[in-house]
């Protein structure tokens, strides 16, 4: 979940795209859904879900592969 301070900072930034990258577990799914609900009217939202349970378990090359499809779209 985004804190009020985090949401205010993001809303002040001159951006149109928001990338959400959370762990691939139940808690990560809940956070993604909550952020999407809070920010869907303000930004184009893209999700990056790790192929493993979380990004900390992955090699940097694999992390970049996970992000590449989103970065190409933006």
Protein backbone atom coordinates (compact mmCIF):
# COMPACT_ATOMS: atom_id res chain seq x y z
CA UNK A 1 0.00 0.00 0.00
CA UNK A 2 1.15 3.53 -0.72
CA UNK A 3 1.30 5.90 2.20
CA UNK A 4 -0.41 9.26 1.80
CA UNK A 5 3.00 10.92 1.57
CA UNK A 6 4.15 8.54 -1.17
CA UNK A 7 0.96 9.05 -3.15
CA UNK A 8 1.25 12.84 -2.87
CA UNK A 9 4.86 12.73 -4.09
CA UNK A 10 3.93 10.59 -7.08
CA UNK A 11 0.98 12.79 -7.95
CA UNK A 12 3.21 15.88 -8.01
CA UNK A 13 5.67 14.30 -10.43
CA UNK A 14 5.34 15.10 -14.14
CA UNK A 15 4.70 11.48 -15.13
CA UNK A 16 1.94 9.62 -16.92
CA UNK A 17 3.14 6.02 -16.46
CA UNK A 18 3.46 4.12 -13.20
CA UNK A 19 5.21 0.75 -12.98
CA UNK A 20 4.20 -1.46 -10.08
CA UNK A 21 6.75 -4.16 -9.17
CA UNK A 22 5.85 -6.32 -6.19
CA UNK A 23 6.62 -9.84 -5.05
CA UNK A 24 4.80 -12.71 -6.70
CA UNK A 25 2.84 -13.78 -3.63
CA UNK A 26 -0.48 -13.02 -1.96
CA UNK A 27 0.82 -9.87 -0.22
CA UNK A 28 2.29 -8.59 -3.50
CA UNK A 29 -1.00 -9.16 -5.30
CA UNK A 30 -2.90 -7.24 -2.61
CA UNK A 31 -0.48 -4.31 -2.84
CA UNK A 32 -0.69 -4.23 -6.64
CA UNK A 33 -4.48 -4.19 -6.53
CA UNK A 34 -4.55 -1.45 -3.89
CA UNK A 35 -2.08 0.79 -5.75
CA UNK A 36 -3.97 0.23 -8.99
CA UNK A 37 -7.25 1.24 -7.31
CA UNK A 38 -5.69 4.37 -5.81
CA UNK A 39 -3.85 5.51 -8.93
CA UNK A 40 -5.73 4.19 -11.98
CA UNK A 41 -7.36 7.52 -12.76
CA UNK A 42 -4.07 9.41 -12.69
CA UNK A 43 -1.60 7.14 -14.50
CA UNK A 44 -1.17 4.47 -17.12
CA UNK A 45 -0.31 1.54 -14.89
CA UNK A 46 1.98 -1.35 -15.80
CA UNK A 47 2.64 -4.39 -13.61
CA UNK A 48 5.94 -6.22 -13.39
CA UNK A 49 5.58 -9.55 -11.62
CA UNK A 50 8.75 -11.58 -11.00
CA UNK A 51 8.92 -15.05 -12.53
CA UNK A 52 10.05 -16.30 -9.11
CA UNK A 53 8.47 -15.51 -5.74
CA UNK A 54 10.35 -12.22 -5.37
CA UNK A 55 12.95 -10.11 -7.11
CA UNK A 56 15.48 -10.77 -4.33
CA UNK A 57 15.71 -14.41 -5.45
CA UNK A 58 16.53 -13.47 -9.03
CA UNK A 59 19.72 -12.73 -10.94
CA UNK A 60 19.89 -9.13 -12.28
CA UNK A 61 19.66 -10.40 -15.87
CA UNK A 62 16.39 -12.16 -15.07
CA UNK A 63 15.06 -9.02 -13.38
CA UNK A 64 15.79 -6.99 -16.51
CA UNK A 65 13.95 -9.59 -18.61
CA UNK A 66 10.92 -9.14 -16.35
CA UNK A 67 11.00 -5.38 -16.83
CA UNK A 68 11.86 -5.35 -20.54
CA UNK A 69 8.32 -5.99 -21.83
CA UNK A 70 7.01 -3.03 -19.83
CA UNK A 71 9.88 -0.73 -20.73
CA UNK A 72 9.33 -1.47 -24.43
CA UNK A 73 5.66 -0.45 -24.12
CA UNK A 74 6.42 2.79 -22.31
